[in-house]
Amino acid sequence: MDNMAYLQQIAVGGNNSANAKKDKNGILSKIFNVWTLAIGGGVILLLIIIVVIAGALNKVDTKDQDLMTQSYWDSKYLNEKTLSEYAGDIKNSDIRNMTASLRSVLNEIVLNEENLLLSEYGIEADDTEENELAMKELERIDGPEEGTTDLITLDETLEEGRLNGILDRTFLREMTLQIAILISYQSECAERTKNSSVKDFSSKAESNLQNLYDQFYNFKSPTV
């Protein structure tokens, strides 16, 4: 082998070694980049999960005070608007007596929930009159103060019963439904709240309302 051939062989061997080393480094670089991206992505995903969980844990559950607000305004409107308007026109003496008991329970709910909203939640009950919860109860019972709605309100139903001479029957049916709605508010509030004072009152109110519900639901009279 002459000197030229020997030098060419060395050159080819050197280039192959360099290329092999270069290829090896390129593969390692690719593998390292893949793992870096995977680890980085995993860390970011973990951080997102931690933030979401922390946010959920720190979120204040206000469902109990919302239910109490609904109960407060439902009881207030039912007593001050509906019963004030129609209770005096009830003919059956037994229904009148049950209605008097209902008004007494409603007054108790309004008074106690007004105090509890303030003492336990720092909420002035009157300050919630314009919020969505209060307006929902008003619309269901008496309709919106302005505008129109397709909802047939409680008062409209009772007025139709009075005009048709069947107010006692209509009143009995509708009050049974209204009491059931109030029971659902008290029951869920007692179940969800962590406040012992709220829980005690809601349980008591639920029991009183349940007694009235049984009376209205089971009432039978040949004149009604």
C-alpha atoms as a PDB file:
ATOM      1  CA  MET A   1       0.000   0.000   0.000  1.00  0.00           C
ATOM      2  CA  ASP A   2       1.526   3.315  -1.053  1.00  0.00           C
ATOM      3  CA  ASN A   3       1.532   6.381   1.116  1.00  0.00           C
ATOM      4  CA  MET A   4      -1.431   7.964  -0.708  1.00  0.00           C
ATOM      5  CA  ALA A   5      -3.645   4.916  -0.247  1.00  0.00           C
ATOM      6  CA  TYR A   6      -2.688   4.721   3.429  1.00  0.00           C
ATOM      7  CA  LEU A   7      -3.548   8.349   4.017  1.00  0.00           C
ATOM      8  CA  GLN A   8      -6.934   7.935   2.277  1.00  0.00           C
ATOM      9  CA  GLN A   9      -7.743   4.908   4.443  1.00  0.00           C
ATOM     10  CA  ILE A  10      -6.931   6.857   7.607  1.00  0.00           C
ATOM     11  CA  ALA A  11      -9.010   9.783   6.396  1.00  0.00           C
ATOM     12  CA  VAL A  12     -12.016   7.550   5.653  1.00  0.00           C
ATOM     13  CA  GLY A  13     -11.710   5.837   9.023  1.00  0.00           C
ATOM     14  CA  GLY A  14     -11.448   9.163  10.798  1.00  0.00           C
ATOM     15  CA  ASN A  15     -14.535  10.492   9.058  1.00  0.00           C
ATOM     16  CA  ASN A  16     -16.526   7.370   9.919  1.00  0.00           C
ATOM     17  CA  SER A  17     -15.527   7.661  13.572  1.00  0.00           C
ATOM     18  CA  ALA A  18     -16.478  11.327  13.648  1.00  0.00           C
ATOM     19  CA  ASN A  19     -19.801  10.622  11.955  1.00  0.00           C
ATOM     20  CA  ALA A  20     -20.558   7.769  14.351  1.00  0.00           C
ATOM     21  CA  LYS A  21     -19.747   9.986  17.317  1.00  0.00           C
ATOM     22  CA  LYS A  22     -21.868  12.764  15.830  1.00  0.00           C
ATOM     23  CA  ASP A  23     -24.803  10.409  15.264  1.00  0.00           C
ATOM     24  CA  LYS A  24     -24.517   9.097  18.813  1.00  0.00           C
ATOM     25  CA  ASN A  25     -24.536  12.606  20.249  1.00  0.00           C
ATOM     26  CA  GLY A  26     -27.519  13.502  18.063  1.00  0.00           C
ATOM     27  CA  ILE A  27     -29.534  10.539  19.360  1.00  0.00           C
ATOM     28  CA  LEU A  28     -28.672  11.397  22.968  1.00  0.00           C
ATOM     29  CA  SER A  29     -29.693  15.000  22.335  1.00  0.00           C
ATOM     30  CA  LYS A  30     -33.041  13.922  20.927  1.00  0.00           C
ATOM     31  CA  ILE A  31     -33.701  11.550  23.839  1.00  0.00           C
ATOM     32  CA  PHE A  32     -32.734  14.219  26.355  1.00  0.00           C
ATOM     33  CA  ASN A  33     -35.069  16.747  24.714  1.00  0.00           C
ATOM     34  CA  VAL A  34     -38.014  14.313  24.743  1.00  0.00           C
ATOM     35  CA  TRP A  35     -37.559  13.550  28.428  1.00  0.00           C
ATOM     36  CA  THR A  36     -37.147  17.237  29.213  1.00  0.00           C
ATOM     37  CA  LEU A  37     -40.402  18.055  27.471  1.00  0.00           C
ATOM     38  CA  ALA A  38     -42.219  15.168  29.160  1.00  0.00           C
ATOM     39  CA  ILE A  39     -41.002  16.120  32.625  1.00  0.00           C
ATOM     40  CA  GLY A  40     -41.684  19.795  32.039  1.00  0.00           C
ATOM     41  CA  GLY A  41     -45.198  19.052  30.808  1.00  0.00           C
ATOM     42  CA  GLY A  42     -45.849  16.792  33.797  1.00  0.00           C
ATOM     43  CA  VAL A  43     -44.733  19.496  36.210  1.00  0.00           C
ATOM     44  CA  ILE A  44     -46.975  22.087  34.561  1.00  0.00           C
ATOM     45  CA  LEU A  45     -49.954  19.690  34.623  1.00  0.00           C
ATOM     46  CA  LEU A  46     -49.327  18.939  38.296  1.00  0.00           C
ATOM     47  CA  LEU A  47     -49.212  22.637  39.125  1.00  0.00           C
ATOM     48  CA  ILE A  48     -52.508  23.219  37.298  1.00  0.00           C
ATOM     49  CA  ILE A  49     -54.163  20.369  39.226  1.00  0.00           C
ATOM     50  CA  ILE A  50     -52.869  21.755  42.539  1.00  0.00           C
ATOM     51  CA  VAL A  51     -54.210  25.236  41.726  1.00  0.00           C
ATOM     52  CA  VAL A  52     -57.641  23.858  40.752  1.00  0.00           C
ATOM     53  CA  ILE A  53     -57.906  21.719  43.894  1.00  0.00           C
ATOM     54  CA  ALA A  54     -56.762  24.589  46.111  1.00  0.00           C
ATOM     55  CA  GLY A  55     -59.334  26.880  44.516  1.00  0.00           C
ATOM     56  CA  ALA A  56     -62.098  24.342  45.064  1.00  0.00           C
ATOM     57  CA  LEU A  57     -61.114  23.847  48.706  1.00  0.00           C
ATOM     58  CA  ASN A  58     -60.979  27.576  49.344  1.00  0.00           C
ATOM     59  CA  LYS A  59     -64.306  28.274  47.652  1.00  0.00           C
ATOM     60  CA  VAL A  60     -66.923  29.253  50.211  1.00  0.00           C
ATOM     61  CA  ASP A  61     -70.158  27.277  49.974  1.00  0.00           C
ATOM     62  CA  THR A  62     -72.989  29.781  50.449  1.00  0.00           C
ATOM     63  CA  LYS A  63     -75.831  27.419  49.582  1.00  0.00           C
ATOM     64  CA  ASP A  64     -77.142  27.357  53.155  1.00  0.00           C
ATOM     65  CA  GLN A  65     -77.447  31.131  53.379  1.00  0.00           C
ATOM     66  CA  ASP A  66     -79.000  31.224  49.895  1.00  0.00           C
ATOM     67  CA  LEU A  67     -81.637  28.734  51.020  1.00  0.00           C
ATOM     68  CA  MET A  68     -82.283  30.761  54.159  1.00  0.00           C
ATOM     69  CA  THR A  69     -82.653  33.906  52.063  1.00  0.00           C
ATOM     70  CA  GLN A  70     -85.174  32.145  49.819  1.00  0.00           C
ATOM     71  CA  SER A  71     -87.065  30.836  52.823  1.00  0.00           C
ATOM     72  CA  TYR A  72     -87.114  34.285  54.414  1.00  0.00           C
ATOM     73  CA  TRP A  73     -88.585  36.028  51.381  1.00  0.00           C
ATOM     74  CA  ASP A  74     -90.945  33.175  50.525  1.00  0.00           C
ATOM     75  CA  SER A  75     -92.360  33.263  54.064  1.00  0.00           C
ATOM     76  CA  LYS A  76     -92.526  37.057  54.112  1.00  0.00           C
ATOM     77  CA  TYR A  77     -94.296  37.420  50.765  1.00  0.00           C
ATOM     78  CA  LEU A  78     -96.600  34.493  51.456  1.00  0.00           C
ATOM     79  CA  ASN A  79     -97.681  36.019  54.760  1.00  0.00           C
ATOM     80  CA  GLU A  80     -97.764  39.721  53.921  1.00  0.00           C
ATOM     81  CA  LYS A  81     -99.140  39.494  50.397  1.00  0.00           C
ATOM     82  CA  THR A  82    -101.047  36.259  49.815  1.00  0.00           C
ATOM     83  CA  LEU A  83    -102.496  35.436  53.224  1.00  0.00           C
ATOM     84  CA  SER A  84    -103.256  39.051  54.019  1.00  0.00           C
ATOM     85  CA  GLU A  85    -105.260  39.219  50.794  1.00  0.00           C
ATOM     86  CA  TYR A  86    -107.096  35.878  50.807  1.00  0.00           C
ATOM     87  CA  ALA A  87    -107.208  34.398  54.316  1.00  0.00           C
ATOM     88  CA  GLY A  88    -110.162  36.587  55.268  1.00  0.00           C
ATOM     89  CA  ASP A  89    -112.252  35.158  52.429  1.00  0.00           C
ATOM     90  CA  ILE A  90    -111.881  31.531  53.506  1.00  0.00           C
ATOM     91  CA  LYS A  91    -115.293  30.149  54.535  1.00  0.00           C
ATOM     92  CA  ASN A  92    -114.391  26.857  56.188  1.00  0.00           C
ATOM     93  CA  SER A  93    -113.595  27.428  59.869  1.00  0.00           C
ATOM     94  CA  ASP A  94    -111.111  24.543  60.062  1.00  0.00           C
ATOM     95  CA  ILE A  95    -109.128  25.925  57.131  1.00  0.00           C
ATOM     96  CA  ARG A  96    -109.179  29.361  58.767  1.00  0.00           C
ATOM     97  CA  ASN A  97    -107.736  27.857  61.950  1.00  0.00           C
ATOM     98  CA  MET A  98    -105.020  26.031  60.011  1.00  0.00           C
ATOM     99  CA  THR A  99    -104.231  29.246  58.179  1.00  0.00           C
ATOM    100  CA  ALA A 100    -103.856  31.112  61.475  1.00  0.00           C
ATOM    101  CA  SER A 101    -101.352  28.459  62.570  1.00  0.00           C
ATOM    102  CA  LEU A 102     -99.540  28.787  59.252  1.00  0.00           C
ATOM    103  CA  ARG A 103     -99.266  32.548  59.673  1.00  0.00           C
ATOM    104  CA  SER A 104     -97.827  32.062  63.136  1.00  0.00           C
ATOM    105  CA  VAL A 105     -95.151  29.681  61.806  1.00  0.00           C
ATOM    106  CA  LEU A 106     -94.356  32.034  58.925  1.00  0.00           C
ATOM    107  CA  ASN A 107     -93.926  34.948  61.328  1.00  0.00           C
ATOM    108  CA  GLU A 108     -91.553  32.839  63.396  1.00  0.00           C
ATOM    109  CA  ILE A 109     -89.526  31.903  60.314  1.00  0.00           C
ATOM    110  CA  VAL A 110     -89.261  35.504  59.141  1.00  0.00           C
ATOM    111  CA  LEU A 111     -88.201  36.807  62.549  1.00  0.00           C
ATOM    112  CA  ASN A 112     -85.647  34.085  63.271  1.00  0.00           C
ATOM    113  CA  GLU A 113     -84.162  33.958  59.804  1.00  0.00           C
ATOM    114  CA  GLU A 114     -83.774  37.718  59.746  1.00  0.00           C
ATOM    115  CA  ASN A 115     -81.786  37.469  62.995  1.00  0.00           C
ATOM    116  CA  LEU A 116     -79.761  34.455  61.835  1.00  0.00           C
ATOM    117  CA  LEU A 117     -78.849  36.005  58.499  1.00  0.00           C
ATOM    118  CA  LEU A 118     -77.416  38.959  60.390  1.00  0.00           C
ATOM    119  CA  SER A 119     -75.773  37.189  63.332  1.00  0.00           C
ATOM    120  CA  GLU A 120     -74.363  34.161  61.494  1.00  0.00           C
ATOM    121  CA  TYR A 121     -73.723  35.512  57.991  1.00  0.00           C
ATOM    122  CA  GLY A 122     -73.491  39.262  58.486  1.00  0.00           C
ATOM    123  CA  ILE A 123     -76.327  39.831  56.015  1.00  0.00           C
ATOM    124  CA  GLU A 124     -79.066  42.426  56.425  1.00  0.00           C
ATOM    125  CA  ALA A 125     -82.191  40.653  55.178  1.00  0.00           C
ATOM    126  CA  ASP A 126     -83.691  43.832  53.734  1.00  0.00           C
ATOM    127  CA  ASP A 127     -80.531  44.391  51.692  1.00  0.00           C
ATOM    128  CA  THR A 128     -81.266  41.187  49.733  1.00  0.00           C
ATOM    129  CA  GLU A 129     -84.699  42.295  48.528  1.00  0.00           C
ATOM    130  CA  GLU A 130     -83.425  43.209  45.069  1.00  0.00           C
ATOM    131  CA  ASN A 131     -81.259  40.151  44.535  1.00  0.00           C
ATOM    132  CA  GLU A 132     -82.141  37.247  42.269  1.00  0.00           C
ATOM    133  CA  LEU A 133     -83.271  34.909  45.055  1.00  0.00           C
ATOM    134  CA  ALA A 134     -85.759  37.383  46.515  1.00  0.00           C
ATOM    135  CA  MET A 135     -87.087  38.385  43.098  1.00  0.00           C
ATOM    136  CA  LYS A 136     -87.615  34.742  42.191  1.00  0.00           C
ATOM    137  CA  GLU A 137     -89.838  34.243  45.243  1.00  0.00           C
ATOM    138  CA  LEU A 138     -91.739  37.462  44.543  1.00  0.00           C
ATOM    139  CA  GLU A 139     -92.405  36.493  40.937  1.00  0.00           C
ATOM    140  CA  ARG A 140     -93.606  33.038  41.923  1.00  0.00           C
ATOM    141  CA  ILE A 141     -96.070  34.404  44.470  1.00  0.00           C
ATOM    142  CA  ASP A 142     -97.120  37.849  43.318  1.00  0.00           C
ATOM    143  CA  GLY A 143     -95.511  38.381  39.920  1.00  0.00           C
ATOM    144  CA  PRO A 144     -92.879  40.987  38.977  1.00  0.00           C
ATOM    145  CA  GLU A 145     -93.391  44.552  40.094  1.00  0.00           C
ATOM    146  CA  GLU A 146     -92.699  45.723  36.543  1.00  0.00           C
ATOM    147  CA  GLY A 147     -93.085  44.027  33.209  1.00  0.00           C
ATOM    148  CA  THR A 148     -94.909  40.820  32.385  1.00  0.00           C
ATOM    149  CA  THR A 149     -94.268  37.136  32.810  1.00  0.00           C
ATOM    150  CA  ASP A 150     -95.778  33.935  31.459  1.00  0.00           C
ATOM    151  CA  LEU A 151     -95.645  32.456  34.960  1.00  0.00           C
ATOM    152  CA  ILE A 152     -99.072  31.912  36.559  1.00  0.00           C
ATOM    153  CA  THR A 153     -98.505  33.203  40.069  1.00  0.00           C
ATOM    154  CA  LEU A 154     -99.957  31.932  43.314  1.00  0.00           C
ATOM    155  CA  ASP A 155    -102.073  35.054  43.764  1.00  0.00           C
ATOM    156  CA  GLU A 156    -103.473  34.777  40.247  1.00  0.00           C
ATOM    157  CA  THR A 157    -104.463  31.173  40.924  1.00  0.00           C
ATOM    158  CA  LEU A 158    -106.193  32.120  44.178  1.00  0.00           C
ATOM    159  CA  GLU A 159    -107.936  35.066  42.561  1.00  0.00           C
ATOM    160  CA  GLU A 160    -109.333  32.770  39.876  1.00  0.00           C
ATOM    161  CA  GLY A 161    -110.559  30.430  42.611  1.00  0.00           C
ATOM    162  CA  ARG A 162    -112.253  33.304  44.427  1.00  0.00           C
ATOM    163  CA  LEU A 163    -113.962  34.524  41.270  1.00  0.00           C
ATOM    164  CA  ASN A 164    -115.204  31.006  40.526  1.00  0.00           C
ATOM    165  CA  GLY A 165    -116.510  30.462  44.051  1.00  0.00           C
ATOM    166  CA  ILE A 166    -114.009  27.684  44.862  1.00  0.00           C
ATOM    167  CA  LEU A 167    -111.482  29.649  46.899  1.00  0.00           C
ATOM    168  CA  ASP A 168    -111.465  27.200  49.842  1.00  0.00           C
ATOM    169  CA  ARG A 169    -110.595  24.251  47.601  1.00  0.00           C
ATOM    170  CA  THR A 170    -108.023  26.215  45.628  1.00  0.00           C
ATOM    171  CA  PHE A 171    -106.507  27.696  48.788  1.00  0.00           C
ATOM    172  CA  LEU A 172    -106.182  24.281  50.415  1.00  0.00           C
ATOM    173  CA  ARG A 173    -104.392  22.828  47.401  1.00  0.00           C
ATOM    174  CA  GLU A 174    -102.066  25.797  46.878  1.00  0.00           C
ATOM    175  CA  MET A 175    -101.100  26.172  50.531  1.00  0.00           C
ATOM    176  CA  THR A 176    -100.195  22.494  50.663  1.00  0.00           C
ATOM    177  CA  LEU A 177     -97.788  23.126  47.779  1.00  0.00           C
ATOM    178  CA  GLN A 178     -96.343  26.308  49.328  1.00  0.00           C
ATOM    179  CA  ILE A 179     -95.690  24.566  52.625  1.00  0.00           C
ATOM    180  CA  ALA A 180     -93.942  21.738  50.772  1.00  0.00           C
ATOM    181  CA  ILE A 181     -91.651  24.279  49.089  1.00  0.00           C
ATOM    182  CA  LEU A 182     -90.767  25.818  52.448  1.00  0.00           C
ATOM    183  CA  ILE A 183     -90.080  22.371  53.894  1.00  0.00           C
ATOM    184  CA  SER A 184     -87.626  21.686  51.074  1.00  0.00           C
ATOM    185  CA  TYR A 185     -85.762  24.935  51.830  1.00  0.00           C
ATOM    186  CA  GLN A 186     -85.502  24.151  55.536  1.00  0.00           C
ATOM    187  CA  SER A 187     -84.561  20.524  54.993  1.00  0.00           C
ATOM    188  CA  GLU A 188     -81.745  21.268  52.570  1.00  0.00           C
ATOM    189  CA  CYS A 189     -80.490  24.180  54.660  1.00  0.00           C
ATOM    190  CA  ALA A 190     -80.293  21.973  57.764  1.00  0.00           C
ATOM    191  CA  GLU A 191     -78.493  19.289  55.772  1.00  0.00           C
ATOM    192  CA  ARG A 192     -75.910  21.583  54.149  1.00  0.00           C
ATOM    193  CA  THR A 193     -75.081  24.084  56.879  1.00  0.00           C
ATOM    194  CA  LYS A 194     -72.164  23.657  59.268  1.00  0.00           C
ATOM    195  CA  ASN A 195     -73.572  26.309  61.590  1.00  0.00           C
ATOM    196  CA  SER A 196     -75.223  24.738  64.650  1.00  0.00           C
ATOM    197  CA  SER A 197     -77.601  27.659  65.269  1.00  0.00           C
ATOM    198  CA  VAL A 198     -78.837  27.607  61.678  1.00  0.00           C
ATOM    199  CA  LYS A 199     -79.139  23.827  61.714  1.00  0.00           C
ATOM    200  CA  ASP A 200     -81.171  23.831  64.954  1.00  0.00           C
ATOM    201  CA  PHE A 201     -83.621  26.441  63.735  1.00  0.00           C
ATOM    202  CA  SER A 202     -84.020  24.936  60.252  1.00  0.00           C
ATOM    203  CA  SER A 203     -84.746  21.526  61.768  1.00  0.00           C
ATOM    204  CA  LYS A 204     -87.317  23.048  64.123  1.00  0.00           C
ATOM    205  CA  ALA A 205     -88.958  25.026  61.309  1.00  0.00           C
ATOM    206  CA  GLU A 206     -89.063  21.925  59.121  1.00  0.00           C
ATOM    207  CA  SER A 207     -90.831  20.005  61.872  1.00  0.00           C
ATOM    208  CA  ASN A 208     -93.420  22.761  62.399  1.00  0.00           C
ATOM    209  CA  LEU A 209     -94.043  23.038  58.674  1.00  0.00           C
ATOM    210  CA  GLN A 210     -94.356  19.272  58.338  1.00  0.00           C
ATOM    211  CA  ASN A 211     -97.145  19.264  60.932  1.00  0.00           C
ATOM    212  CA  LEU A 212     -98.985  21.939  58.965  1.00  0.00           C
ATOM    213  CA  TYR A 213     -98.398  20.102  55.703  1.00  0.00           C
ATOM    214  CA  ASP A 214     -99.975  16.969  57.134  1.00  0.00           C
ATOM    215  CA  GLN A 215    -103.017  18.968  58.249  1.00  0.00           C
ATOM    216  CA  PHE A 216    -103.517  20.663  54.883  1.00  0.00           C
ATOM    217  CA  TYR A 217    -102.755  17.564  52.829  1.00  0.00           C
ATOM    218  CA  ASN A 218    -105.034  15.249  54.813  1.00  0.00           C
ATOM    219  CA  PHE A 219    -107.885  17.722  55.248  1.00  0.00           C
ATOM    220  CA  LYS A 220    -111.239  16.401  54.126  1.00  0.00           C
ATOM    221  CA  SER A 221    -114.606  18.156  54.204  1.00  0.00           C
ATOM    222  CA  PRO A 222    -117.776  17.617  52.200  1.00  0.00           C
ATOM    223  CA  THR A 223    -118.181  21.393  51.864  1.00  0.00           C
ATOM    224  CA  VAL A 224    -114.794  21.954  50.197  1.00  0.00           C
END
